Amino acid sequence: MKVDLAFLAHKASEIDKYRVETCCVIGNYYSLRAEHQKAVLYF
């Protein structure tokens, strides 16, 4: 669900971009887009 995951990543980043959960959400978003190097950076 790319659209829902993108919205969740955006919302989490707005709330607190330095929470581990936010980094994980954004990492999953990049992983779903097959941007694995970016996903690794966030994890």
Full PDB file with SEQRES, HELIX, SHEET, SSBOND, CRYST1, ORIGX, SCALE, CONECT and MASTER records, all heavy atoms in Angstrom:
SEQRES   1 A   43  MET LYS VAL ASP LEU ALA PHE LEU ALA HIS LYS ALA SER          
SEQRES   2 A   43  GLU ILE ASP LYS TYR ARG VAL GLU THR CYS CYS VAL ILE          
SEQRES   3 A   43  GLY ASN TYR TYR SER LEU ARG ALA GLU HIS GLN LYS ALA          
SEQRES   4 A   43  VAL LEU TYR PHE                                              
HELIX    1 AA1 LYS A    2  ASP A   16  1                                  15    
HELIX    2 AA2 VAL A   20  LEU A   32  1                                  13    
HELIX    3 AA3 HIS A   36  TYR A   42  1                                   7    
CRYST1    1.000    1.000    1.000  90.00  90.00  90.00 P 1           1          
ORIGX1      1.000000  0.000000  0.000000        0.00000                         
ORIGX2      0.000000  1.000000  0.000000        0.00000                         
ORIGX3      0.000000  0.000000  1.000000        0.00000                         
SCALE1      1.000000  0.000000  0.000000        0.00000                         
SCALE2      0.000000  1.000000  0.000000        0.00000                         
SCALE3      0.000000  0.000000  1.000000        0.00000                         
ATOM      1  N   MET A   1       0.858  -1.187   0.000  1.00  0.00           N  
ATOM      2  CA  MET A   1       0.000   0.000   0.000  1.00  0.00           C  
ATOM      3  C   MET A   1       0.898   1.244   0.000  1.00  0.00           C  
ATOM      4  O   MET A   1       1.111   1.886   1.038  1.00  0.00           O  
ATOM      5  CB  MET A   1      -0.938  -0.048   1.211  1.00  0.00           C  
ATOM      6  CG  MET A   1      -1.894  -1.241   1.156  1.00  0.00           C  
ATOM      7  SD  MET A   1      -2.770  -1.572   2.716  1.00  0.00           S  
ATOM      8  CE  MET A   1      -3.918  -0.191   2.763  1.00  0.00           C  
ATOM      9  N   LYS A   2       1.435   1.580  -1.169  1.00  0.00           N  
ATOM     10  CA  LYS A   2       2.439   2.653  -1.286  1.00  0.00           C  
ATOM     11  C   LYS A   2       1.923   4.008  -0.831  1.00  0.00           C  
ATOM     12  O   LYS A   2       2.619   4.752  -0.144  1.00  0.00           O  
ATOM     13  CB  LYS A   2       2.928   2.754  -2.744  1.00  0.00           C  
ATOM     14  CG  LYS A   2       3.912   1.675  -3.139  1.00  0.00           C  
ATOM     15  CD  LYS A   2       4.454   1.935  -4.531  1.00  0.00           C  
ATOM     16  CE  LYS A   2       5.425   0.837  -4.943  1.00  0.00           C  
ATOM     17  NZ  LYS A   2       5.963   1.058  -6.300  1.00  0.00           N  
ATOM     18  N   VAL A   3       0.696   4.335  -1.227  1.00  0.00           N  
ATOM     19  CA  VAL A   3       0.143   5.652  -0.896  1.00  0.00           C  
ATOM     20  C   VAL A   3      -0.021   5.788   0.618  1.00  0.00           C  
ATOM     21  O   VAL A   3       0.369   6.804   1.216  1.00  0.00           O  
ATOM     22  CB  VAL A   3      -1.205   5.873  -1.611  1.00  0.00           C  
ATOM     23  CG1 VAL A   3      -1.846   7.180  -1.168  1.00  0.00           C  
ATOM     24  CG2 VAL A   3      -1.010   5.856  -3.127  1.00  0.00           C  
ATOM     25  N   ASP A   4      -0.582   4.755   1.257  1.00  0.00           N  
ATOM     26  CA  ASP A   4      -0.791   4.778   2.711  1.00  0.00           C  
ATOM     27  C   ASP A   4       0.542   4.839   3.451  1.00  0.00           C  
ATOM     28  O   ASP A   4       0.670   5.563   4.452  1.00  0.00           O  
ATOM     29  CB  ASP A   4      -1.573   3.544   3.164  1.00  0.00           C  
ATOM     30  CG  ASP A   4      -2.976   3.513   2.603  1.00  0.00           C  
ATOM     31  OD1 ASP A   4      -3.119   3.222   1.406  1.00  0.00           O  
ATOM     32  OD2 ASP A   4      -3.928   3.772   3.354  1.00  0.00           O  
ATOM     33  N   LEU A   5       1.522   4.080   2.947  1.00  0.00           N  
ATOM     34  CA  LEU A   5       2.831   4.064   3.602  1.00  0.00           C  
ATOM     35  C   LEU A   5       3.534   5.413   3.430  1.00  0.00           C  
ATOM     36  O   LEU A   5       4.184   5.909   4.363  1.00  0.00           O  
ATOM     37  CB  LEU A   5       3.691   2.927   3.027  1.00  0.00           C  
ATOM     38  CG  LEU A   5       5.040   2.668   3.704  1.00  0.00           C  
ATOM     39  CD1 LEU A   5       4.909   2.558   5.219  1.00  0.00           C  
ATOM     40  CD2 LEU A   5       5.681   1.400   3.137  1.00  0.00           C  
ATOM     41  N   ALA A   6       3.390   6.022   2.264  1.00  0.00           N  
ATOM     42  CA  ALA A   6       3.979   7.351   2.031  1.00  0.00           C  
ATOM     43  C   ALA A   6       3.357   8.388   2.973  1.00  0.00           C  
ATOM     44  O   ALA A   6       4.063   9.219   3.556  1.00  0.00           O  
ATOM     45  CB  ALA A   6       3.765   7.773   0.582  1.00  0.00           C  
ATOM     46  N   PHE A   7       2.025   8.303   3.148  1.00  0.00           N  
ATOM     47  CA  PHE A   7       1.340   9.234   4.057  1.00  0.00           C  
ATOM     48  C   PHE A   7       1.806   9.030   5.496  1.00  0.00           C  
ATOM     49  O   PHE A   7       2.062  10.005   6.219  1.00  0.00           O  
ATOM     50  CB  PHE A   7      -0.175   9.034   3.962  1.00  0.00           C  
ATOM     51  CG  PHE A   7      -0.951   9.926   4.886  1.00  0.00           C  
ATOM     52  CD1 PHE A   7      -1.158  11.264   4.583  1.00  0.00           C  
ATOM     53  CD2 PHE A   7      -1.468   9.421   6.077  1.00  0.00           C  
ATOM     54  CE1 PHE A   7      -1.860  12.097   5.451  1.00  0.00           C  
ATOM     55  CE2 PHE A   7      -2.173  10.241   6.946  1.00  0.00           C  
ATOM     56  CZ  PHE A   7      -2.370  11.588   6.621  1.00  0.00           C  
ATOM     57  N   LEU A   8       1.932   7.765   5.908  1.00  0.00           N  
ATOM     58  CA  LEU A   8       2.385   7.460   7.276  1.00  0.00           C  
ATOM     59  C   LEU A   8       3.806   7.977   7.495  1.00  0.00           C  
ATOM     60  O   LEU A   8       4.105   8.556   8.546  1.00  0.00           O  
ATOM     61  CB  LEU A   8       2.315   5.949   7.529  1.00  0.00           C  
ATOM     62  CG  LEU A   8       2.733   5.473   8.923  1.00  0.00           C  
ATOM     63  CD1 LEU A   8       1.786   6.026   9.983  1.00  0.00           C  
ATOM     64  CD2 LEU A   8       2.769   3.954   8.988  1.00  0.00           C  
ATOM     65  N   ALA A   9       4.681   7.781   6.500  1.00  0.00           N  
ATOM     66  CA  ALA A   9       6.070   8.243   6.606  1.00  0.00           C  
ATOM     67  C   ALA A   9       6.111   9.775   6.731  1.00  0.00           C  
ATOM     68  O   ALA A   9       6.867  10.322   7.554  1.00  0.00           O  
ATOM     69  CB  ALA A   9       6.865   7.791   5.384  1.00  0.00           C  
ATOM     70  N   HIS A  10       5.303  10.453   5.935  1.00  0.00           N  
ATOM     71  CA  HIS A  10       5.254  11.921   5.975  1.00  0.00           C  
ATOM     72  C   HIS A  10       4.753  12.409   7.334  1.00  0.00           C  
ATOM     73  O   HIS A  10       5.332  13.320   7.938  1.00  0.00           O  
ATOM     74  CB  HIS A  10       4.344  12.433   4.861  1.00  0.00           C  
ATOM     75  CG  HIS A  10       4.178  13.920   4.839  1.00  0.00           C  
ATOM     76  ND1 HIS A  10       5.197  14.785   4.492  1.00  0.00           N  
ATOM     77  CD2 HIS A  10       3.099  14.701   5.158  1.00  0.00           C  
ATOM     78  CE1 HIS A  10       4.763  16.034   4.586  1.00  0.00           C  
ATOM     79  NE2 HIS A  10       3.499  16.007   4.989  1.00  0.00           N  
ATOM     80  N   LYS A  11       3.692  11.765   7.832  1.00  0.00           N  
ATOM     81  CA  LYS A  11       3.098  12.168   9.114  1.00  0.00           C  
ATOM     82  C   LYS A  11       4.073  11.920  10.261  1.00  0.00           C  
ATOM     83  O   LYS A  11       4.260  12.778  11.135  1.00  0.00           O  
ATOM     84  CB  LYS A  11       1.808  11.373   9.338  1.00  0.00           C  
ATOM     85  CG  LYS A  11       0.999  11.833  10.542  1.00  0.00           C  
ATOM     86  CD  LYS A  11       0.402  13.207  10.326  1.00  0.00           C  
ATOM     87  CE  LYS A  11      -0.446  13.633  11.515  1.00  0.00           C  
ATOM     88  NZ  LYS A  11      -0.888  15.026  11.402  1.00  0.00           N  
ATOM     89  N   ALA A  12       4.722  10.741  10.266  1.00  0.00           N  
ATOM     90  CA  ALA A  12       5.676  10.393  11.328  1.00  0.00           C  
ATOM     91  C   ALA A  12       6.850  11.368  11.340  1.00  0.00           C  
ATOM     92  O   ALA A  12       7.308  11.800  12.399  1.00  0.00           O  
ATOM     93  CB  ALA A  12       6.174   8.958  11.143  1.00  0.00           C  
ATOM     94  N   SER A  13       7.313  11.751  10.147  1.00  0.00           N  
ATOM     95  CA  SER A  13       8.425  12.694  10.035  1.00  0.00           C  
ATOM     96  C   SER A  13       8.038  14.071  10.562  1.00  0.00           C  
ATOM     97  O   SER A  13       8.845  14.765  11.191  1.00  0.00           O  
ATOM     98  CB  SER A  13       8.873  12.794   8.576  1.00  0.00           C  
ATOM     99  OG  SER A  13      10.039  13.567   8.465  1.00  0.00           O  
ATOM    100  N   GLU A  14       6.786  14.467  10.330  1.00  0.00           N  
ATOM    101  CA  GLU A  14       6.287  15.747  10.847  1.00  0.00           C  
ATOM    102  C   GLU A  14       6.239  15.745  12.377  1.00  0.00           C  
ATOM    103  O   GLU A  14       6.550  16.733  13.023  1.00  0.00           O  
ATOM    104  CB  GLU A  14       4.873  16.007  10.322  1.00  0.00           C  
ATOM    105  CG  GLU A  14       4.830  16.693   8.972  1.00  0.00           C  
ATOM    106  CD  GLU A  14       3.400  17.082   8.605  1.00  0.00           C  
ATOM    107  OE1 GLU A  14       2.457  16.601   9.272  1.00  0.00           O  
ATOM    108  OE2 GLU A  14       3.223  17.857   7.648  1.00  0.00           O  
ATOM    109  N   ILE A  15       5.861  14.599  12.954  1.00  0.00           N  
ATOM    110  CA  ILE A  15       5.720  14.503  14.416  1.00  0.00           C  
ATOM    111  C   ILE A  15       7.088  14.506  15.084  1.00  0.00           C  
ATOM    112  O   ILE A  15       7.345  15.276  16.010  1.00  0.00           O  
ATOM    113  CB  ILE A  15       4.921  13.234  14.805  1.00  0.00           C  
ATOM    114  CG1 ILE A  15       3.491  13.329  14.265  1.00  0.00           C  
ATOM    115  CG2 ILE A  15       4.917  13.034  16.322  1.00  0.00           C  
ATOM    116  CD1 ILE A  15       2.721  12.020  14.325  1.00  0.00           C  
ATOM    117  N   ASP A  16       7.990  13.612  14.632  1.00  0.00           N  
ATOM    118  CA  ASP A  16       9.336  13.531  15.225  1.00  0.00           C  
ATOM    119  C   ASP A  16      10.230  12.725  14.293  1.00  0.00           C  
ATOM    120  O   ASP A  16      10.161  11.499  14.264  1.00  0.00           O  
ATOM    121  CB  ASP A  16       9.284  12.882  16.608  1.00  0.00           C  
ATOM    122  CG  ASP A  16      10.631  12.914  17.316  1.00  0.00           C  
ATOM    123  OD1 ASP A  16      11.638  13.277  16.674  1.00  0.00           O  
ATOM    124  OD2 ASP A  16      10.689  12.569  18.514  1.00  0.00           O  
ATOM    125  N   LYS A  17      11.064  13.427  13.529  1.00  0.00           N  
ATOM    126  CA  LYS A  17      11.903  12.731  12.540  1.00  0.00           C  
ATOM    127  C   LYS A  17      13.049  11.946  13.178  1.00  0.00           C  
ATOM    128  O   LYS A  17      13.701  11.147  12.521  1.00  0.00           O  
ATOM    129  CB  LYS A  17      12.442  13.718  11.507  1.00  0.00           C  
ATOM    130  CG  LYS A  17      13.393  14.768  12.052  1.00  0.00           C  
ATOM    131  CD  LYS A  17      14.035  15.563  10.905  1.00  0.00           C  
ATOM    132  CE  LYS A  17      13.005  16.434  10.201  1.00  0.00           C  
ATOM    133  NZ  LYS A  17      13.636  17.332   9.196  1.00  0.00           N  
ATOM    134  N   TYR A  18      13.302  12.165  14.491  1.00  0.00           N  
ATOM    135  CA  TYR A  18      14.414  11.482  15.143  1.00  0.00           C  
ATOM    136  C   TYR A  18      13.963  10.375  16.100  1.00  0.00           C  
ATOM    137  O   TYR A  18      14.691   9.979  16.979  1.00  0.00           O  
ATOM    138  CB  TYR A  18      15.304  12.496  15.876  1.00  0.00           C  
ATOM    139  CG  TYR A  18      15.953  13.459  14.921  1.00  0.00           C  
ATOM    140  CD1 TYR A  18      15.564  14.800  14.891  1.00  0.00           C  
ATOM    141  CD2 TYR A  18      16.908  13.037  14.005  1.00  0.00           C  
ATOM    142  CE1 TYR A  18      16.143  15.686  13.998  1.00  0.00           C  
ATOM    143  CE2 TYR A  18      17.490  13.913  13.107  1.00  0.00           C  
ATOM    144  CZ  TYR A  18      17.102  15.238  13.103  1.00  0.00           C  
ATOM    145  OH  TYR A  18      17.671  16.108  12.212  1.00  0.00           O  
ATOM    146  N   ARG A  19      12.751   9.882  15.893  1.00  0.00           N  
ATOM    147  CA  ARG A  19      12.291   8.710  16.654  1.00  0.00           C  
ATOM    148  C   ARG A  19      12.639   7.466  15.854  1.00  0.00           C  
ATOM    149  O   ARG A  19      12.574   7.465  14.612  1.00  0.00           O  
ATOM    150  CB  ARG A  19      10.779   8.782  16.873  1.00  0.00           C  
ATOM    151  CG  ARG A  19      10.352   9.533  18.098  1.00  0.00           C  
ATOM    152  CD  ARG A  19      10.430   8.720  19.374  1.00  0.00           C  
ATOM    153  NE  ARG A  19       9.425   7.676  19.424  1.00  0.00           N  
ATOM    154  CZ  ARG A  19       8.223   7.813  19.969  1.00  0.00           C  
ATOM    155  NH1 ARG A  19       7.872   8.966  20.520  1.00  0.00           N  
ATOM    156  NH2 ARG A  19       7.372   6.804  19.983  1.00  0.00           N  
ATOM    157  N   VAL A  20      12.989   6.378  16.558  1.00  0.00           N  
ATOM    158  CA  VAL A  20      13.354   5.140  15.848  1.00  0.00           C  
ATOM    159  C   VAL A  20      12.188   4.630  15.000  1.00  0.00           C  
ATOM    160  O   VAL A  20      12.401   4.116  13.892  1.00  0.00           O  
ATOM    161  CB  VAL A  20      13.828   4.043  16.829  1.00  0.00           C  
ATOM    162  CG1 VAL A  20      15.180   4.356  17.410  1.00  0.00           C  
ATOM    163  CG2 VAL A  20      12.816   3.807  17.951  1.00  0.00           C  
ATOM    164  N   GLU A  21      10.956   4.787  15.509  1.00  0.00           N  
ATOM    165  CA  GLU A  21       9.797   4.321  14.740  1.00  0.00           C  
ATOM    166  C   GLU A  21       9.674   5.084  13.423  1.00  0.00           C  
ATOM    167  O   GLU A  21       9.355   4.484  12.381  1.00  0.00           O  
ATOM    168  CB  GLU A  21       8.506   4.495  15.561  1.00  0.00           C  
ATOM    169  CG  GLU A  21       8.393   3.602  16.763  1.00  0.00           C  
ATOM    170  CD  GLU A  21       8.993   4.197  18.026  1.00  0.00           C  
ATOM    171  OE1 GLU A  21       9.693   5.238  17.926  1.00  0.00           O  
ATOM    172  OE2 GLU A  21       8.775   3.644  19.105  1.00  0.00           O  
ATOM    173  N   THR A  22       9.959   6.387  13.452  1.00  0.00           N  
ATOM    174  CA  THR A  22       9.897   7.196  12.225  1.00  0.00           C  
ATOM    175  C   THR A  22      10.924   6.708  11.213  1.00  0.00           C  
ATOM    176  O   THR A  22      10.613   6.553  10.013  1.00  0.00           O  
ATOM    177  CB  THR A  22      10.151   8.684  12.557  1.00  0.00           C  
ATOM    178  OG1 THR A  22       9.160   9.130  13.481  1.00  0.00           O  
ATOM    179  CG2 THR A  22      10.100   9.545  11.316  1.00  0.00           C  
ATOM    180  N   CYS A  23      12.137   6.482  11.676  1.00  0.00           N  
ATOM    181  CA  CYS A  23      13.202   5.986  10.783  1.00  0.00           C  
ATOM    182  C   CYS A  23      12.806   4.647  10.155  1.00  0.00           C  
ATOM    183  O   CYS A  23      13.054   4.402   8.968  1.00  0.00           O  
ATOM    184  CB  CYS A  23      14.512   5.822  11.555  1.00  0.00           C  
ATOM    185  SG  CYS A  23      15.191   7.376  12.164  1.00  0.00           S  
ATOM    186  N   CYS A  24      12.169   3.807  10.964  1.00  0.00           N  
ATOM    187  CA  CYS A  24      11.744   2.492  10.469  1.00  0.00           C  
ATOM    188  C   CYS A  24      10.647   2.635   9.413  1.00  0.00           C  
ATOM    189  O   CYS A  24      10.677   1.966   8.374  1.00  0.00           O  
ATOM    190  CB  CYS A  24      11.249   1.657  11.644  1.00  0.00           C  
ATOM    191  SG  CYS A  24      10.899  -0.041  11.209  1.00  0.00           S  
ATOM    192  N   VAL A  25       9.679   3.508   9.664  1.00  0.00           N  
ATOM    193  CA  VAL A  25       8.581   3.746   8.705  1.00  0.00           C  
ATOM    194  C   VAL A  25       9.145   4.247   7.375  1.00  0.00           C  
ATOM    195  O   VAL A  25       8.776   3.750   6.301  1.00  0.00           O  
ATOM    196  CB  VAL A  25       7.566   4.755   9.277  1.00  0.00           C  
ATOM    197  CG1 VAL A  25       6.559   5.167   8.208  1.00  0.00           C  
ATOM    198  CG2 VAL A  25       6.830   4.166  10.483  1.00  0.00           C  
ATOM    199  N   ILE A  26      10.046   5.234   7.447  1.00  0.00           N  
ATOM    200  CA  ILE A  26      10.634   5.792   6.217  1.00  0.00           C  
ATOM    201  C   ILE A  26      11.487   4.736   5.508  1.00  0.00           C  
ATOM    202  O   ILE A  26      11.463   4.629   4.275  1.00  0.00           O  
ATOM    203  CB  ILE A  26      11.468   7.052   6.536  1.00  0.00           C  
ATOM    204  CG1 ILE A  26      10.560   8.148   7.113  1.00  0.00           C  
ATOM    205  CG2 ILE A  26      12.170   7.575   5.284  1.00  0.00           C  
ATOM    206  CD1 ILE A  26      11.307   9.358   7.654  1.00  0.00           C  
ATOM    207  N   GLY A  27      12.211   3.933   6.286  1.00  0.00           N  
ATOM    208  CA  GLY A  27      13.002   2.845   5.705  1.00  0.00           C  
ATOM    209  C   GLY A  27      12.137   1.865   4.943  1.00  0.00           C  
ATOM    210  O   GLY A  27      12.466   1.450   3.824  1.00  0.00           O  
ATOM    211  N   ASN A  28      10.987   1.512   5.520  1.00  0.00           N  
ATOM    212  CA  ASN A  28      10.054   0.604   4.838  1.00  0.00           C  
ATOM    213  C   ASN A  28       9.503   1.234   3.560  1.00  0.00           C  
ATOM    214  O   ASN A  28       9.297   0.555   2.549  1.00  0.00           O  
ATOM    215  CB  ASN A  28       8.903   0.228   5.774  1.00  0.00           C  
ATOM    216  CG  ASN A  28       9.218  -0.965   6.643  1.00  0.00           C  
ATOM    217  OD1 ASN A  28      10.030  -1.810   6.284  1.00  0.00           O  
ATOM    218  ND2 ASN A  28       8.595  -1.038   7.807  1.00  0.00           N  
ATOM    219  N   TYR A  29       9.264   2.536   3.607  1.00  0.00           N  
ATOM    220  CA  TYR A  29       8.757   3.245   2.420  1.00  0.00           C  
ATOM    221  C   TYR A  29       9.763   3.145   1.274  1.00  0.00           C  
ATOM    222  O   TYR A  29       9.400   2.807   0.139  1.00  0.00           O  
ATOM    223  CB  TYR A  29       8.471   4.701   2.782  1.00  0.00           C  
ATOM    224  CG  TYR A  29       8.208   5.582   1.583  1.00  0.00           C  
ATOM    225  CD1 TYR A  29       7.052   5.431   0.823  1.00  0.00           C  
ATOM    226  CD2 TYR A  29       9.133   6.564   1.205  1.00  0.00           C  
ATOM    227  CE1 TYR A  29       6.819   6.241  -0.285  1.00  0.00           C  
ATOM    228  CE2 TYR A  29       8.896   7.372   0.098  1.00  0.00           C  
ATOM    229  CZ  TYR A  29       7.742   7.204  -0.640  1.00  0.00           C  
ATOM    230  OH  TYR A  29       7.509   7.994  -1.748  1.00  0.00           O  
ATOM    231  N   TYR A  30      11.041   3.414   1.567  1.00  0.00           N  
ATOM    232  CA  TYR A  30      12.064   3.326   0.518  1.00  0.00           C  
ATOM    233  C   TYR A  30      12.273   1.880   0.056  1.00  0.00           C  
ATOM    234  O   TYR A  30      12.531   1.622  -1.123  1.00  0.00           O  
ATOM    235  CB  TYR A  30      13.381   3.928   1.005  1.00  0.00           C  
ATOM    236  CG  TYR A  30      13.395   5.438   0.941  1.00  0.00           C  
ATOM    237  CD1 TYR A  30      13.592   6.207   2.083  1.00  0.00           C  
ATOM    238  CD2 TYR A  30      13.195   6.103  -0.264  1.00  0.00           C  
ATOM    239  CE1 TYR A  30      13.594   7.605   2.022  1.00  0.00           C  
ATOM    240  CE2 TYR A  30      13.189   7.489  -0.335  1.00  0.00           C  
ATOM    241  CZ  TYR A  30      13.389   8.234   0.809  1.00  0.00           C  
ATOM    242  OH  TYR A  30      13.382   9.608   0.735  1.00  0.00           O  
ATOM    243  N   SER A  31      12.133   0.939   0.982  1.00  0.00           N  
ATOM    244  CA  SER A  31      12.276  -0.471   0.607  1.00  0.00           C  
ATOM    245  C   SER A  31      11.185  -0.887  -0.380  1.00  0.00           C  
ATOM    246  O   SER A  31      11.453  -1.588  -1.358  1.00  0.00           O  
ATOM    247  CB  SER A  31      12.210  -1.347   1.858  1.00  0.00           C  
ATOM    248  OG  SER A  31      12.351  -2.708   1.522  1.00  0.00           O  
ATOM    249  N   LEU A  32       9.951  -0.416  -0.123  1.00  0.00           N  
ATOM    250  CA  LEU A  32       8.837  -0.746  -1.021  1.00  0.00           C  
ATOM    251  C   LEU A  32       9.052  -0.145  -2.404  1.00  0.00           C  
ATOM    252  O   LEU A  32       8.614  -0.709  -3.417  1.00  0.00           O  
ATOM    253  CB  LEU A  32       7.517  -0.248  -0.416  1.00  0.00           C  
ATOM    254  CG  LEU A  32       6.226  -0.700  -1.102  1.00  0.00           C  
ATOM    255  CD1 LEU A  32       6.136  -2.209  -1.192  1.00  0.00           C  
ATOM    256  CD2 LEU A  32       5.010  -0.143  -0.371  1.00  0.00           C  
ATOM    257  N   ARG A  33       9.764   0.975  -2.455  1.00  0.00           N  
ATOM    258  CA  ARG A  33      10.091   1.591  -3.740  1.00  0.00           C  
ATOM    259  C   ARG A  33      11.357   0.998  -4.358  1.00  0.00           C  
ATOM    260  O   ARG A  33      11.851   1.479  -5.367  1.00  0.00           O  
ATOM    261  CB  ARG A  33      10.292   3.096  -3.539  1.00  0.00           C  
ATOM    262  CG  ARG A  33       9.004   3.839  -3.227  1.00  0.00           C  
ATOM    263  CD  ARG A  33       9.224   5.320  -3.050  1.00  0.00           C  
ATOM    264  NE  ARG A  33       9.930   5.929  -4.194  1.00  0.00           N  
ATOM    265  CZ  ARG A  33      10.164   7.222  -4.318  1.00  0.00           C  
ATOM    266  NH1 ARG A  33       9.762   8.058  -3.378  1.00  0.00           N  
ATOM    267  NH2 ARG A  33      10.812   7.696  -5.359  1.00  0.00           N  
ATOM    268  N   ALA A  34      11.881  -0.060  -3.718  1.00  0.00           N  
ATOM    269  CA  ALA A  34      13.102  -0.757  -4.174  1.00  0.00           C  
ATOM    270  C   ALA A  34      14.335   0.145  -4.128  1.00  0.00           C  
ATOM    271  O   ALA A  34      15.313  -0.098  -4.828  1.00  0.00           O  
ATOM    272  CB  ALA A  34      12.903  -1.343  -5.574  1.00  0.00           C  
ATOM    273  N   GLU A  35      14.295   1.183  -3.293  1.00  0.00           N  
ATOM    274  CA  GLU A  35      15.476   2.035  -3.078  1.00  0.00           C  
ATOM    275  C   GLU A  35      16.183   1.536  -1.811  1.00  0.00           C  
ATOM    276  O   GLU A  35      16.108   2.148  -0.735  1.00  0.00           O  
ATOM    277  CB  GLU A  35      15.056   3.504  -2.944  1.00  0.00           C  
ATOM    278  CG  GLU A  35      14.433   4.061  -4.223  1.00  0.00           C  
ATOM    279  CD  GLU A  35      14.065   5.541  -4.083  1.00  0.00           C  
ATOM    280  OE1 GLU A  35      14.899   6.312  -3.557  1.00  0.00           O  
ATOM    281  OE2 GLU A  35      12.948   5.905  -4.494  1.00  0.00           O  
ATOM    282  N   HIS A  36      16.846   0.389  -1.967  1.00  0.00           N  
ATOM    283  CA  HIS A  36      17.348  -0.350  -0.805  1.00  0.00           C  
ATOM    284  C   HIS A  36      18.479   0.379  -0.085  1.00  0.00           C  
ATOM    285  O   HIS A  36      18.608   0.284   1.137  1.00  0.00           O  
ATOM    286  CB  HIS A  36      17.778  -1.757  -1.226  1.00  0.00           C  
ATOM    287  CG  HIS A  36      16.661  -2.539  -1.837  1.00  0.00           C  
ATOM    288  ND1 HIS A  36      15.527  -2.876  -1.129  1.00  0.00           N  
ATOM    289  CD2 HIS A  36      16.486  -3.033  -3.103  1.00  0.00           C  
ATOM    290  CE1 HIS A  36      14.705  -3.550  -1.934  1.00  0.00           C  
ATOM    291  NE2 HIS A  36      15.267  -3.656  -3.129  1.00  0.00           N  
ATOM    292  N   GLN A  37      19.294   1.117  -0.825  1.00  0.00           N  
ATOM    293  CA  GLN A  37      20.392   1.843  -0.188  1.00  0.00           C  
ATOM    294  C   GLN A  37      19.852   2.929   0.750  1.00  0.00           C  
ATOM    295  O   GLN A  37      20.340   3.110   1.865  1.00  0.00           O  
ATOM    296  CB  GLN A  37      21.300   2.468  -1.256  1.00  0.00           C  
ATOM    297  CG  GLN A  37      22.666   2.903  -0.729  1.00  0.00           C  
ATOM    298  CD  GLN A  37      23.491   1.750  -0.202  1.00  0.00           C  
ATOM    299  OE1 GLN A  37      23.716   0.766  -0.886  1.00  0.00           O  
ATOM    300  NE2 GLN A  37      23.928   1.866   1.045  1.00  0.00           N  
ATOM    301  N   LYS A  38      18.809   3.631   0.300  1.00  0.00           N  
ATOM    302  CA  LYS A  38      18.188   4.651   1.151  1.00  0.00           C  
ATOM    303  C   LYS A  38      17.520   4.006   2.368  1.00  0.00           C  
ATOM    304  O   LYS A  38      17.567   4.543   3.483  1.00  0.00           O  
ATOM    305  CB  LYS A  38      17.147   5.449   0.356  1.00  0.00           C  
ATOM    306  CG  LYS A  38      17.751   6.507  -0.555  1.00  0.00           C  
ATOM    307  CD  LYS A  38      16.646   7.347  -1.167  1.00  0.00           C  
ATOM    308  CE  LYS A  38      17.236   8.429  -2.089  1.00  0.00           C  
ATOM    309  NZ  LYS A  38      16.167   9.221  -2.724  1.00  0.00           N  
ATOM    310  N   ALA A  39      16.889   2.857   2.134  1.00  0.00           N  
ATOM    311  CA  ALA A  39      16.238   2.140   3.237  1.00  0.00           C  
ATOM    312  C   ALA A  39      17.265   1.773   4.309  1.00  0.00           C  
ATOM    313  O   ALA A  39      17.027   1.963   5.508  1.00  0.00           O  
ATOM    314  CB  ALA A  39      15.547   0.886   2.724  1.00  0.00           C  
ATOM    315  N   VAL A  40      18.422   1.276   3.875  1.00  0.00           N  
ATOM    316  CA  VAL A  40      19.498   0.912   4.806  1.00  0.00           C  
ATOM    317  C   VAL A  40      19.923   2.115   5.634  1.00  0.00           C  
ATOM    318  O   VAL A  40      20.119   2.013   6.859  1.00  0.00           O  
ATOM    319  CB  VAL A  40      20.709   0.322   4.041  1.00  0.00           C  
ATOM    320  CG1 VAL A  40      21.945   0.260   4.935  1.00  0.00           C  
ATOM    321  CG2 VAL A  40      20.381  -1.079   3.531  1.00  0.00           C  
ATOM    322  N   LEU A  41      20.059   3.283   4.996  1.00  0.00           N  
ATOM    323  CA  LEU A  41      20.479   4.496   5.708  1.00  0.00           C  
ATOM    324  C   LEU A  41      19.517   4.843   6.843  1.00  0.00           C  
ATOM    325  O   LEU A  41      19.945   5.218   7.937  1.00  0.00           O  
ATOM    326  CB  LEU A  41      20.581   5.674   4.736  1.00  0.00           C  
ATOM    327  CG  LEU A  41      21.763   5.649   3.762  1.00  0.00           C  
ATOM    328  CD1 LEU A  41      21.643   6.786   2.757  1.00  0.00           C  
ATOM    329  CD2 LEU A  41      23.087   5.756   4.525  1.00  0.00           C  
ATOM    330  N   TYR A  42      18.211   4.686   6.587  1.00  0.00           N  
ATOM    331  CA  TYR A  42      17.229   5.024   7.625  1.00  0.00           C  
ATOM    332  C   TYR A  42      17.203   3.970   8.734  1.00  0.00           C  
ATOM    333  O   TYR A  42      17.040   4.312   9.916  1.00  0.00           O  
ATOM    334  CB  TYR A  42      15.836   5.219   7.016  1.00  0.00           C  
ATOM    335  CG  TYR A  42      15.675   6.637   6.520  1.00  0.00           C  
ATOM    336  CD1 TYR A  42      15.933   6.966   5.194  1.00  0.00           C  
ATOM    337  CD2 TYR A  42      15.296   7.658   7.395  1.00  0.00           C  
ATOM    338  CE1 TYR A  42      15.811   8.276   4.744  1.00  0.00           C  
ATOM    339  CE2 TYR A  42      15.175   8.975   6.954  1.00  0.00           C  
ATOM    340  CZ  TYR A  42      15.434   9.273   5.629  1.00  0.00           C  
ATOM    341  OH  TYR A  42      15.320  10.580   5.207  1.00  0.00           O  
ATOM    342  N   PHE A  43      17.360   2.705   8.377  1.00  0.00           N  
ATOM    343  CA  PHE A  43      17.420   1.678   9.418  1.00  0.00           C  
ATOM    344  C   PHE A  43      18.692   1.850  10.266  1.00  0.00           C  
ATOM    345  O   PHE A  43      18.666   1.641  11.479  1.00  0.00           O  
ATOM    346  CB  PHE A  43      17.360   0.278   8.803  1.00  0.00           C  
ATOM    347  CG  PHE A  43      16.036  -0.045   8.147  1.00  0.00           C  
ATOM    348  CD1 PHE A  43      15.985  -0.689   6.913  1.00  0.00           C  
ATOM    349  CD2 PHE A  43      14.836   0.313   8.760  1.00  0.00           C  
ATOM    350  CE1 PHE A  43      14.776  -0.984   6.313  1.00  0.00           C  
ATOM    351  CE2 PHE A  43      13.615   0.024   8.162  1.00  0.00           C  
ATOM    352  CZ  PHE A  43      13.583  -0.611   6.939  1.00  0.00           C  
TER     353      PHE A  43                                                      
MASTER        0    0    0    3    0    0    0    6  352    1    0    4          
END                                                                             
